[in-house]
Amino acid sequence: MRSSDRSKGCRNIILIGMPGAGKSTIGVVLAKRLGRAFLDSDLVIQEKEGKLLHEIIAQEGLDGFLRIEEEVNASLEAEGAVIATGGSVVYGQKAMEHLKQIGTVIYLQLPLETIAERLGDLNERGVALQDGQSLHSLYEERVPLYEKYADVILSCENKMLREIVVEIANNIINNCSK
């Protein structure tokens, strides 16, 4: 784990990464372990819009979806929560600046091969893809953005869920005690 900012760890914990990286799953378990609230920004978007992610993309187009996603993430209000974001949150500069202000951003890093194994139908899952875009090109496009916005980069390859949660929890606890 690489950490660049220790002052915000006691506040919100924000998980970013590719679809299939485990943001929501890790987020729920981490929130339980730390006794924090859990917030999934994709669910907030769906609730606000009254539609599933793939329905929003189909009706609003990719640009429309990204605009909605940025607006929702830029307005999230939480304190002491674990927040799982959608994989495309890093396209919204305003949203990412807001998230970095309200907590520690942790990039759950996995290689492309592992992501590909975990994902099913990308469209059904509500993954924000350009027409004809491959998972490989999406990965290449997003990784630099995840790295840019991350306060912490956590390699999750060959780690069990429990190991990842313990590693994040220990890092957060250490940050809070400084």
N, C-alpha and C. Protein backbone atom coordinates (compact mmCIF):
# COMPACT_ATOMS: atom_id res chain seq x y z
N MET A 1 0.85 -1.18 0.00
CA MET A 1 0.00 0.00 0.00
C MET A 1 0.89 1.23 0.00
N ARG A 2 0.57 2.16 -0.87
CA ARG A 2 1.30 3.43 -0.93
C ARG A 2 0.34 4.51 -0.45
N SER A 3 0.80 5.32 0.48
CA SER A 3 -0.05 6.38 1.01
C SER A 3 0.63 7.72 0.85
N SER A 4 -0.14 8.72 0.42
CA SER A 4 0.44 10.04 0.22
C SER A 4 -0.17 11.11 1.12
N ASP A 5 -1.25 10.79 1.83
CA ASP A 5 -1.88 11.79 2.68
C ASP A 5 -2.49 11.11 3.90
N ARG A 6 -1.92 11.35 5.05
CA ARG A 6 -2.36 10.68 6.26
C ARG A 6 -3.35 11.50 7.08
N SER A 7 -3.60 12.75 6.73
CA SER A 7 -4.42 13.61 7.58
C SER A 7 -5.92 13.37 7.44
N LYS A 8 -6.38 12.71 6.36
CA LYS A 8 -7.81 12.61 6.10
C LYS A 8 -8.39 11.24 6.44
N GLY A 9 -7.59 10.31 6.91
CA GLY A 9 -8.02 8.93 7.08
C GLY A 9 -9.14 8.71 8.05
N CYS A 10 -9.34 9.62 9.01
CA CYS A 10 -10.39 9.44 10.01
C CYS A 10 -11.75 9.83 9.46
N ARG A 11 -11.77 10.51 8.35
CA ARG A 11 -13.03 10.95 7.77
C ARG A 11 -13.58 9.85 6.86
N ASN A 12 -14.07 10.20 5.73
CA ASN A 12 -14.62 9.20 4.81
C ASN A 12 -13.50 8.41 4.14
N ILE A 13 -13.83 7.18 3.78
CA ILE A 13 -12.94 6.32 3.00
C ILE A 13 -13.64 6.15 1.66
N ILE A 14 -12.99 6.60 0.58
CA ILE A 14 -13.60 6.55 -0.74
C ILE A 14 -12.85 5.52 -1.59
N LEU A 15 -13.58 4.54 -2.12
CA LEU A 15 -12.98 3.47 -2.92
C LEU A 15 -13.22 3.75 -4.39
N ILE A 16 -12.13 3.73 -5.17
CA ILE A 16 -12.21 3.89 -6.61
C ILE A 16 -11.52 2.72 -7.27
N GLY A 17 -11.83 2.49 -8.54
CA GLY A 17 -11.19 1.42 -9.29
C GLY A 17 -12.10 0.94 -10.41
N MET A 18 -11.57 0.03 -11.19
CA MET A 18 -12.30 -0.51 -12.33
C MET A 18 -13.55 -1.26 -11.88
N PRO A 19 -14.54 -1.37 -12.76
CA PRO A 19 -15.67 -2.25 -12.47
C PRO A 19 -15.12 -3.65 -12.20
N GLY A 20 -15.65 -4.31 -11.21
CA GLY A 20 -15.18 -5.65 -10.87
C GLY A 20 -14.02 -5.67 -9.90
N ALA A 21 -13.52 -4.50 -9.50
CA ALA A 21 -12.38 -4.46 -8.56
C ALA A 21 -12.81 -4.82 -7.14
N GLY A 22 -14.11 -4.77 -6.86
CA GLY A 22 -14.60 -5.14 -5.54
C GLY A 22 -14.93 -3.95 -4.64
N LYS A 23 -15.13 -2.78 -5.22
CA LYS A 23 -15.37 -1.58 -4.42
C LYS A 23 -16.58 -1.74 -3.49
N SER A 24 -17.69 -2.20 -4.02
CA SER A 24 -18.90 -2.33 -3.21
C SER A 24 -18.76 -3.45 -2.18
N THR A 25 -18.25 -4.58 -2.59
CA THR A 25 -18.09 -5.72 -1.67
C THR A 25 -17.12 -5.38 -0.55
N ILE A 26 -15.97 -4.86 -0.91
CA ILE A 26 -14.97 -4.47 0.08
C ILE A 26 -15.53 -3.36 0.97
N GLY A 27 -16.24 -2.41 0.34
CA GLY A 27 -16.81 -1.30 1.09
C GLY A 27 -17.77 -1.74 2.18
N VAL A 28 -18.66 -2.66 1.87
CA VAL A 28 -19.63 -3.16 2.87
C VAL A 28 -18.91 -3.83 4.03
N VAL A 29 -17.97 -4.71 3.73
CA VAL A 29 -17.25 -5.45 4.77
C VAL A 29 -16.39 -4.49 5.61
N LEU A 30 -15.74 -3.55 4.94
CA LEU A 30 -14.91 -2.56 5.64
C LEU A 30 -15.75 -1.70 6.57
N ALA A 31 -16.90 -1.25 6.08
CA ALA A 31 -17.79 -0.43 6.91
C ALA A 31 -18.23 -1.20 8.16
N LYS A 32 -18.57 -2.46 7.99
CA LYS A 32 -18.95 -3.28 9.14
C LYS A 32 -17.80 -3.41 10.13
N ARG A 33 -16.61 -3.66 9.61
CA ARG A 33 -15.43 -3.84 10.47
C ARG A 33 -15.12 -2.57 11.26
N LEU A 34 -15.27 -1.42 10.61
CA LEU A 34 -14.92 -0.15 11.26
C LEU A 34 -16.10 0.51 11.97
N GLY A 35 -17.29 -0.09 11.84
CA GLY A 35 -18.47 0.50 12.46
C GLY A 35 -18.88 1.81 11.81
N ARG A 36 -18.76 1.87 10.49
CA ARG A 36 -19.08 3.07 9.73
C ARG A 36 -20.29 2.82 8.83
N ALA A 37 -20.89 3.91 8.38
CA ALA A 37 -21.96 3.81 7.38
C ALA A 37 -21.33 3.43 6.04
N PHE A 38 -22.13 2.80 5.18
CA PHE A 38 -21.69 2.47 3.83
C PHE A 38 -22.57 3.19 2.83
N LEU A 39 -21.94 3.78 1.82
CA LEU A 39 -22.67 4.50 0.78
C LEU A 39 -22.12 4.05 -0.57
N ASP A 40 -23.02 3.61 -1.45
CA ASP A 40 -22.63 3.22 -2.81
C ASP A 40 -23.15 4.29 -3.75
N SER A 41 -22.25 5.06 -4.37
CA SER A 41 -22.69 6.19 -5.19
C SER A 41 -23.49 5.74 -6.41
N ASP A 42 -23.24 4.53 -6.92
CA ASP A 42 -24.06 4.03 -8.03
C ASP A 42 -25.52 3.86 -7.60
N LEU A 43 -25.73 3.40 -6.37
CA LEU A 43 -27.09 3.24 -5.87
C LEU A 43 -27.75 4.59 -5.64
N VAL A 44 -26.95 5.58 -5.22
CA VAL A 44 -27.49 6.93 -5.05
C VAL A 44 -27.94 7.48 -6.41
N ILE A 45 -27.14 7.25 -7.44
CA ILE A 45 -27.50 7.69 -8.80
C ILE A 45 -28.79 7.01 -9.24
N GLN A 46 -28.88 5.69 -9.05
CA GLN A 46 -30.08 4.95 -9.46
C GLN A 46 -31.31 5.44 -8.72
N GLU A 47 -31.16 5.70 -7.42
CA GLU A 47 -32.30 6.17 -6.63
C GLU A 47 -32.73 7.56 -7.10
N LYS A 48 -31.76 8.44 -7.33
CA LYS A 48 -32.07 9.81 -7.77
C LYS A 48 -32.77 9.81 -9.13
N GLU A 49 -32.29 8.95 -10.04
CA GLU A 49 -32.83 8.92 -11.40
C GLU A 49 -34.02 7.98 -11.56
N GLY A 50 -34.22 7.08 -10.61
CA GLY A 50 -35.31 6.12 -10.71
C GLY A 50 -35.11 5.09 -11.80
N LYS A 51 -33.84 4.84 -12.16
CA LYS A 51 -33.50 3.89 -13.24
C LYS A 51 -32.21 3.16 -12.87
N LEU A 52 -32.03 2.00 -13.49
CA LEU A 52 -30.76 1.27 -13.36
C LEU A 52 -29.69 1.99 -14.17
N LEU A 53 -28.43 1.77 -13.83
CA LEU A 53 -27.34 2.46 -14.52
C LEU A 53 -27.39 2.25 -16.03
N HIS A 54 -27.56 1.00 -16.47
CA HIS A 54 -27.56 0.76 -17.91
C HIS A 54 -28.75 1.42 -18.60
N GLU A 55 -29.86 1.60 -17.87
CA GLU A 55 -31.01 2.31 -18.43
C GLU A 55 -30.70 3.81 -18.58
N ILE A 56 -30.00 4.36 -17.59
CA ILE A 56 -29.62 5.78 -17.67
C ILE A 56 -28.70 6.00 -18.86
N ILE A 57 -27.72 5.11 -19.03
CA ILE A 57 -26.78 5.23 -20.15
C ILE A 57 -27.53 5.11 -21.48
N ALA A 58 -28.46 4.15 -21.55
CA ALA A 58 -29.22 3.95 -22.79
C ALA A 58 -30.08 5.18 -23.11
N GLN A 59 -30.67 5.80 -22.09
CA GLN A 59 -31.58 6.93 -22.33
C GLN A 59 -30.87 8.27 -22.44
N GLU A 60 -29.82 8.46 -21.65
CA GLU A 60 -29.15 9.76 -21.59
C GLU A 60 -27.88 9.81 -22.43
N GLY A 61 -27.42 8.64 -22.87
CA GLY A 61 -26.14 8.58 -23.55
C GLY A 61 -25.01 8.62 -22.54
N LEU A 62 -23.82 8.29 -23.00
CA LEU A 62 -22.68 8.23 -22.10
C LEU A 62 -22.39 9.60 -21.48
N ASP A 63 -22.40 10.65 -22.30
CA ASP A 63 -22.11 11.99 -21.77
C ASP A 63 -23.15 12.41 -20.73
N GLY A 64 -24.39 12.11 -20.99
CA GLY A 64 -25.46 12.43 -20.03
C GLY A 64 -25.27 11.68 -18.73
N PHE A 65 -24.93 10.39 -18.83
CA PHE A 65 -24.69 9.61 -17.62
C PHE A 65 -23.52 10.18 -16.82
N LEU A 66 -22.42 10.49 -17.51
CA LEU A 66 -21.24 11.01 -16.82
C LEU A 66 -21.54 12.34 -16.14
N ARG A 67 -22.38 13.15 -16.75
CA ARG A 67 -22.78 14.42 -16.16
C ARG A 67 -23.58 14.18 -14.87
N ILE A 68 -24.51 13.23 -14.92
CA ILE A 68 -25.31 12.87 -13.74
C ILE A 68 -24.40 12.31 -12.65
N GLU A 69 -23.49 11.42 -13.05
CA GLU A 69 -22.59 10.80 -12.08
C GLU A 69 -21.73 11.86 -11.39
N GLU A 70 -21.20 12.81 -12.17
CA GLU A 70 -20.36 13.85 -11.58
C GLU A 70 -21.16 14.70 -10.60
N GLU A 71 -22.36 15.08 -11.01
CA GLU A 71 -23.22 15.91 -10.16
C GLU A 71 -23.52 15.22 -8.83
N VAL A 72 -23.87 13.93 -8.89
CA VAL A 72 -24.20 13.19 -7.67
C VAL A 72 -22.97 13.05 -6.78
N ASN A 73 -21.84 12.66 -7.34
CA ASN A 73 -20.64 12.47 -6.53
C ASN A 73 -20.10 13.78 -5.98
N ALA A 74 -20.25 14.86 -6.72
CA ALA A 74 -19.78 16.18 -6.25
C ALA A 74 -20.65 16.72 -5.13
N SER A 75 -21.83 16.15 -4.95
CA SER A 75 -22.73 16.64 -3.91
C SER A 75 -22.91 15.67 -2.75
N LEU A 76 -22.17 14.57 -2.76
CA LEU A 76 -22.29 13.61 -1.66
C LEU A 76 -21.90 14.27 -0.34
N GLU A 77 -22.74 14.08 0.66
CA GLU A 77 -22.46 14.58 2.00
C GLU A 77 -22.44 13.39 2.94
N ALA A 78 -21.29 13.13 3.51
CA ALA A 78 -21.16 12.03 4.46
C ALA A 78 -20.01 12.37 5.40
N GLU A 79 -20.04 11.79 6.57
CA GLU A 79 -18.95 11.96 7.53
C GLU A 79 -18.68 10.61 8.18
N GLY A 80 -17.46 10.15 8.09
CA GLY A 80 -17.08 8.88 8.71
C GLY A 80 -17.65 7.67 8.01
N ALA A 81 -17.92 7.78 6.71
CA ALA A 81 -18.52 6.68 5.95
C ALA A 81 -17.48 6.01 5.05
N VAL A 82 -17.83 4.83 4.58
CA VAL A 82 -17.10 4.17 3.50
C VAL A 82 -17.95 4.37 2.26
N ILE A 83 -17.34 4.95 1.21
CA ILE A 83 -18.07 5.29 -0.01
C ILE A 83 -17.47 4.52 -1.18
N ALA A 84 -18.30 3.67 -1.81
CA ALA A 84 -17.89 2.98 -3.03
C ALA A 84 -18.42 3.79 -4.21
N THR A 85 -17.54 4.10 -5.15
CA THR A 85 -17.93 4.89 -6.31
C THR A 85 -18.05 4.00 -7.54
N GLY A 86 -18.65 4.54 -8.58
CA GLY A 86 -18.66 3.85 -9.86
C GLY A 86 -17.29 3.98 -10.50
N GLY A 87 -16.96 3.05 -11.37
CA GLY A 87 -15.65 3.04 -12.00
C GLY A 87 -15.34 4.26 -12.83
N SER A 88 -16.39 4.95 -13.32
CA SER A 88 -16.18 6.11 -14.18
C SER A 88 -16.14 7.43 -13.42
N VAL A 89 -16.21 7.39 -12.11
CA VAL A 89 -16.21 8.62 -11.31
C VAL A 89 -15.00 9.50 -11.61
N VAL A 90 -13.88 8.89 -11.99
CA VAL A 90 -12.65 9.64 -12.22
C VAL A 90 -12.71 10.54 -13.45
N TYR A 91 -13.74 10.42 -14.27
CA TYR A 91 -13.91 11.32 -15.41
C TYR A 91 -14.43 12.69 -14.96
N GLY A 92 -14.97 12.77 -13.77
CA GLY A 92 -15.55 14.02 -13.26
C GLY A 92 -14.58 14.72 -12.33
N GLN A 93 -13.89 15.72 -12.84
CA GLN A 93 -12.89 16.44 -12.03
C GLN A 93 -13.52 17.08 -10.79
N LYS A 94 -14.69 17.71 -10.97
CA LYS A 94 -15.37 18.36 -9.85
C LYS A 94 -15.72 17.33 -8.77
N ALA A 95 -16.20 16.17 -9.20
CA ALA A 95 -16.54 15.11 -8.26
C ALA A 95 -15.31 14.61 -7.51
N MET A 96 -14.23 14.39 -8.24
CA MET A 96 -13.02 13.87 -7.60
C MET A 96 -12.40 14.88 -6.64
N GLU A 97 -12.44 16.15 -6.99
CA GLU A 97 -11.94 17.18 -6.07
C GLU A 97 -12.76 17.19 -4.79
N HIS A 98 -14.08 17.06 -4.93
CA HIS A 98 -14.96 17.02 -3.76
C HIS A 98 -14.65 15.78 -2.90
N LEU A 99 -14.54 14.62 -3.54
CA LEU A 99 -14.29 13.39 -2.79
C LEU A 99 -12.95 13.46 -2.06
N LYS A 100 -11.93 14.02 -2.69
CA LYS A 100 -10.63 14.15 -2.04
C LYS A 100 -10.71 15.11 -0.85
N GLN A 101 -11.60 16.10 -0.92
CA GLN A 101 -11.75 17.03 0.20
C GLN A 101 -12.44 16.39 1.40
N ILE A 102 -13.33 15.44 1.14
CA ILE A 102 -14.12 14.86 2.25
C ILE A 102 -13.56 13.55 2.77
N GLY A 103 -12.45 13.06 2.20
CA GLY A 103 -11.91 11.80 2.72
C GLY A 103 -10.66 11.33 2.02
N THR A 104 -10.29 10.11 2.32
CA THR A 104 -9.13 9.46 1.74
C THR A 104 -9.59 8.60 0.57
N VAL A 105 -9.00 8.82 -0.60
CA VAL A 105 -9.36 8.09 -1.81
C VAL A 105 -8.39 6.91 -1.97
N ILE A 106 -8.96 5.71 -2.00
CA ILE A 106 -8.18 4.47 -2.12
C ILE A 106 -8.49 3.81 -3.45
N TYR A 107 -7.46 3.63 -4.25
CA TYR A 107 -7.59 2.95 -5.55
C TYR A 107 -7.35 1.47 -5.35
N LEU A 108 -8.37 0.66 -5.62
CA LEU A 108 -8.27 -0.80 -5.55
C LEU A 108 -7.74 -1.27 -6.90
N GLN A 109 -6.47 -1.58 -6.93
CA GLN A 109 -5.74 -1.87 -8.17
C GLN A 109 -5.74 -3.36 -8.47
N LEU A 110 -6.14 -3.70 -9.68
CA LEU A 110 -6.10 -5.08 -10.17
C LEU A 110 -5.63 -5.07 -11.62
N PRO A 111 -4.94 -6.13 -12.05
CA PRO A 111 -4.55 -6.20 -13.46
C PRO A 111 -5.76 -6.43 -14.37
N LEU A 112 -5.62 -6.04 -15.61
CA LEU A 112 -6.68 -6.18 -16.60
C LEU A 112 -7.21 -7.61 -16.68
N GLU A 113 -6.33 -8.58 -16.66
CA GLU A 113 -6.74 -9.98 -16.80
C GLU A 113 -7.71 -10.38 -15.68
N THR A 114 -7.45 -9.93 -14.47
CA THR A 114 -8.32 -10.25 -13.33
C THR A 114 -9.67 -9.56 -13.48
N ILE A 115 -9.65 -8.30 -13.90
CA ILE A 115 -10.90 -7.55 -14.13
C ILE A 115 -11.74 -8.27 -15.19
N ALA A 116 -11.10 -8.67 -16.28
CA ALA A 116 -11.82 -9.34 -17.38
C ALA A 116 -12.46 -10.63 -16.89
N GLU A 117 -11.77 -11.38 -16.03
CA GLU A 117 -12.32 -12.64 -15.49
C GLU A 117 -13.55 -12.38 -14.64
N ARG A 118 -13.58 -11.27 -13.91
CA ARG A 118 -14.65 -10.98 -12.97
C ARG A 118 -15.91 -10.42 -13.61
N LEU A 119 -15.76 -9.74 -14.74
CA LEU A 119 -16.89 -9.03 -15.34
C LEU A 119 -17.69 -9.93 -16.27
N GLY A 120 -18.98 -9.73 -16.26
CA GLY A 120 -19.84 -10.40 -17.23
C GLY A 120 -20.12 -9.43 -18.37
N ASP A 121 -21.38 -9.26 -18.70
CA ASP A 121 -21.80 -8.35 -19.76
C ASP A 121 -21.60 -6.90 -19.28
N LEU A 122 -20.70 -6.19 -19.94
CA LEU A 122 -20.36 -4.83 -19.53
C LEU A 122 -21.55 -3.88 -19.66
N ASN A 123 -22.35 -4.05 -20.69
CA ASN A 123 -23.51 -3.17 -20.88
C ASN A 123 -24.58 -3.43 -19.82
N GLU A 124 -24.83 -4.68 -19.52
CA GLU A 124 -25.82 -5.04 -18.50
C GLU A 124 -25.39 -4.51 -17.14
N ARG A 125 -24.10 -4.46 -16.91
CA ARG A 125 -23.55 -4.02 -15.63
C ARG A 125 -23.58 -2.49 -15.50
N GLY A 126 -23.81 -1.79 -16.59
CA GLY A 126 -23.85 -0.33 -16.53
C GLY A 126 -22.47 0.30 -16.60
N VAL A 127 -21.54 -0.37 -17.27
CA VAL A 127 -20.19 0.17 -17.43
C VAL A 127 -20.23 1.27 -18.49
N ALA A 128 -19.63 2.41 -18.17
CA ALA A 128 -19.62 3.56 -19.07
C ALA A 128 -18.57 3.37 -20.16
N LEU A 129 -19.00 2.85 -21.30
CA LEU A 129 -18.12 2.58 -22.44
C LEU A 129 -18.52 3.44 -23.64
N GLN A 130 -17.53 3.92 -24.37
CA GLN A 130 -17.80 4.55 -25.66
C GLN A 130 -18.24 3.45 -26.63
N ASP A 131 -18.98 3.80 -27.67
CA ASP A 131 -19.37 2.81 -28.68
C ASP A 131 -18.12 2.14 -29.24
N GLY A 132 -18.12 0.81 -29.22
CA GLY A 132 -17.01 0.05 -29.77
C GLY A 132 -15.78 -0.02 -28.89
N GLN A 133 -15.82 0.58 -27.70
CA GLN A 133 -14.64 0.57 -26.83
C GLN A 133 -14.47 -0.79 -26.17
N SER A 134 -13.24 -1.26 -26.10
CA SER A 134 -12.95 -2.55 -25.47
C SER A 134 -12.62 -2.34 -23.99
N LEU A 135 -12.69 -3.42 -23.24
CA LEU A 135 -12.30 -3.38 -21.83
C LEU A 135 -10.83 -2.97 -21.72
N HIS A 136 -10.00 -3.47 -22.62
CA HIS A 136 -8.57 -3.14 -22.60
C HIS A 136 -8.35 -1.63 -22.76
N SER A 137 -9.01 -1.02 -23.73
CA SER A 137 -8.80 0.42 -23.94
C SER A 137 -9.40 1.24 -22.79
N LEU A 138 -10.51 0.76 -22.23
CA LEU A 138 -11.10 1.42 -21.06
C LEU A 138 -10.13 1.39 -19.89
N TYR A 139 -9.52 0.23 -19.67
CA TYR A 139 -8.55 0.05 -18.59
C TYR A 139 -7.36 1.00 -18.78
N GLU A 140 -6.83 1.04 -20.00
CA GLU A 140 -5.68 1.90 -20.30
C GLU A 140 -6.02 3.38 -20.11
N GLU A 141 -7.26 3.75 -20.39
CA GLU A 141 -7.71 5.13 -20.25
C GLU A 141 -7.89 5.52 -18.78
N ARG A 142 -8.41 4.60 -17.98
CA ARG A 142 -8.76 4.93 -16.60
C ARG A 142 -7.62 4.81 -15.60
N VAL A 143 -6.72 3.85 -15.78
CA VAL A 143 -5.68 3.63 -14.77
C VAL A 143 -4.91 4.91 -14.43
N PRO A 144 -4.46 5.70 -15.41
CA PRO A 144 -3.75 6.94 -15.04
C PRO A 144 -4.62 7.90 -14.20
N LEU A 145 -5.93 7.90 -14.45
CA LEU A 145 -6.83 8.76 -13.67
C LEU A 145 -6.97 8.24 -12.23
N TYR A 146 -7.10 6.92 -12.08
CA TYR A 146 -7.17 6.35 -10.73
C TYR A 146 -5.91 6.70 -9.96
N GLU A 147 -4.77 6.54 -10.61
CA GLU A 147 -3.49 6.83 -9.95
C GLU A 147 -3.36 8.32 -9.61
N LYS A 148 -3.86 9.17 -10.49
CA LYS A 148 -3.79 10.62 -10.28
C LYS A 148 -4.57 11.04 -9.03
N TYR A 149 -5.76 10.49 -8.86
CA TYR A 149 -6.62 10.94 -7.78
C TYR A 149 -6.44 10.16 -6.47
N ALA A 150 -5.76 9.04 -6.50
CA ALA A 150 -5.63 8.21 -5.30
C ALA A 150 -4.71 8.82 -4.25
N ASP A 151 -5.17 8.76 -3.01
CA ASP A 151 -4.29 9.06 -1.88
C ASP A 151 -3.53 7.79 -1.50
N VAL A 152 -4.17 6.65 -1.73
CA VAL A 152 -3.60 5.34 -1.42
C VAL A 152 -3.85 4.43 -2.62
N ILE A 153 -2.83 3.70 -3.03
CA ILE A 153 -2.98 2.69 -4.08
C ILE A 153 -2.75 1.34 -3.41
N LEU A 154 -3.77 0.49 -3.49
CA LEU A 154 -3.71 -0.83 -2.85
C LEU A 154 -3.80 -1.91 -3.92
N SER A 155 -2.73 -2.66 -4.08
CA SER A 155 -2.76 -3.80 -4.99
C SER A 155 -3.60 -4.90 -4.35
N CYS A 156 -4.63 -5.33 -5.07
CA CYS A 156 -5.55 -6.34 -4.55
C CYS A 156 -5.33 -7.71 -5.20
N GLU A 157 -4.34 -7.81 -6.09
CA GLU A 157 -4.09 -9.05 -6.80
C GLU A 157 -3.66 -10.15 -5.83
N ASN A 158 -4.27 -11.32 -5.99
CA ASN A 158 -3.97 -12.51 -5.18
C ASN A 158 -4.20 -12.29 -3.69
N LYS A 159 -5.15 -11.43 -3.34
CA LYS A 159 -5.50 -11.21 -1.95
C LYS A 159 -6.96 -11.57 -1.74
N MET A 160 -7.22 -12.16 -0.61
CA MET A 160 -8.59 -12.48 -0.22
C MET A 160 -9.27 -11.20 0.27
N LEU A 161 -10.59 -11.18 0.21
CA LEU A 161 -11.37 -10.04 0.67
C LEU A 161 -10.95 -9.62 2.08
N ARG A 162 -10.83 -10.59 2.96
CA ARG A 162 -10.47 -10.31 4.36
C ARG A 162 -9.12 -9.60 4.46
N GLU A 163 -8.15 -10.04 3.67
CA GLU A 163 -6.81 -9.42 3.69
C GLU A 163 -6.87 -7.95 3.26
N ILE A 164 -7.66 -7.67 2.23
CA ILE A 164 -7.78 -6.31 1.72
C ILE A 164 -8.43 -5.42 2.77
N VAL A 165 -9.50 -5.92 3.38
CA VAL A 165 -10.21 -5.15 4.40
C VAL A 165 -9.29 -4.87 5.60
N VAL A 166 -8.55 -5.87 6.04
CA VAL A 166 -7.63 -5.69 7.17
C VAL A 166 -6.55 -4.66 6.82
N GLU A 167 -6.02 -4.75 5.61
CA GLU A 167 -4.98 -3.81 5.19
C GLU A 167 -5.49 -2.37 5.17
N ILE A 168 -6.68 -2.17 4.63
CA ILE A 168 -7.26 -0.82 4.61
C ILE A 168 -7.56 -0.36 6.03
N ALA A 169 -8.20 -1.23 6.81
CA ALA A 169 -8.57 -0.87 8.19
C ALA A 169 -7.33 -0.50 9.00
N ASN A 170 -6.27 -1.29 8.89
CA ASN A 170 -5.05 -1.00 9.65
C ASN A 170 -4.44 0.33 9.20
N ASN A 171 -4.45 0.61 7.90
CA ASN A 171 -3.92 1.86 7.39
C ASN A 171 -4.73 3.04 7.92
N ILE A 172 -6.05 2.90 7.93
CA ILE A 172 -6.92 3.98 8.40
C ILE A 172 -6.73 4.18 9.90
N ILE A 173 -6.69 3.11 10.66
CA ILE A 173 -6.48 3.20 12.10
C ILE A 173 -5.14 3.86 12.40
N ASN A 174 -4.10 3.47 11.67
CA ASN A 174 -2.78 4.09 11.86
C ASN A 174 -2.82 5.57 11.53
N ASN A 175 -3.53 5.94 10.47
CA ASN A 175 -3.64 7.36 10.09
C ASN A 175 -4.38 8.16 11.15
N CYS A 176 -5.41 7.56 11.75
CA CYS A 176 -6.21 8.27 12.74
C CYS A 176 -5.45 8.48 14.05
N SER A 177 -4.51 7.61 14.33
CA SER A 177 -3.80 7.70 15.60
C SER A 177 -2.59 8.62 15.54
N LYS A 178 -2.32 9.19 14.37
CA LYS A 178 -1.15 10.08 14.23
C LYS A 178 -1.51 11.50 14.53
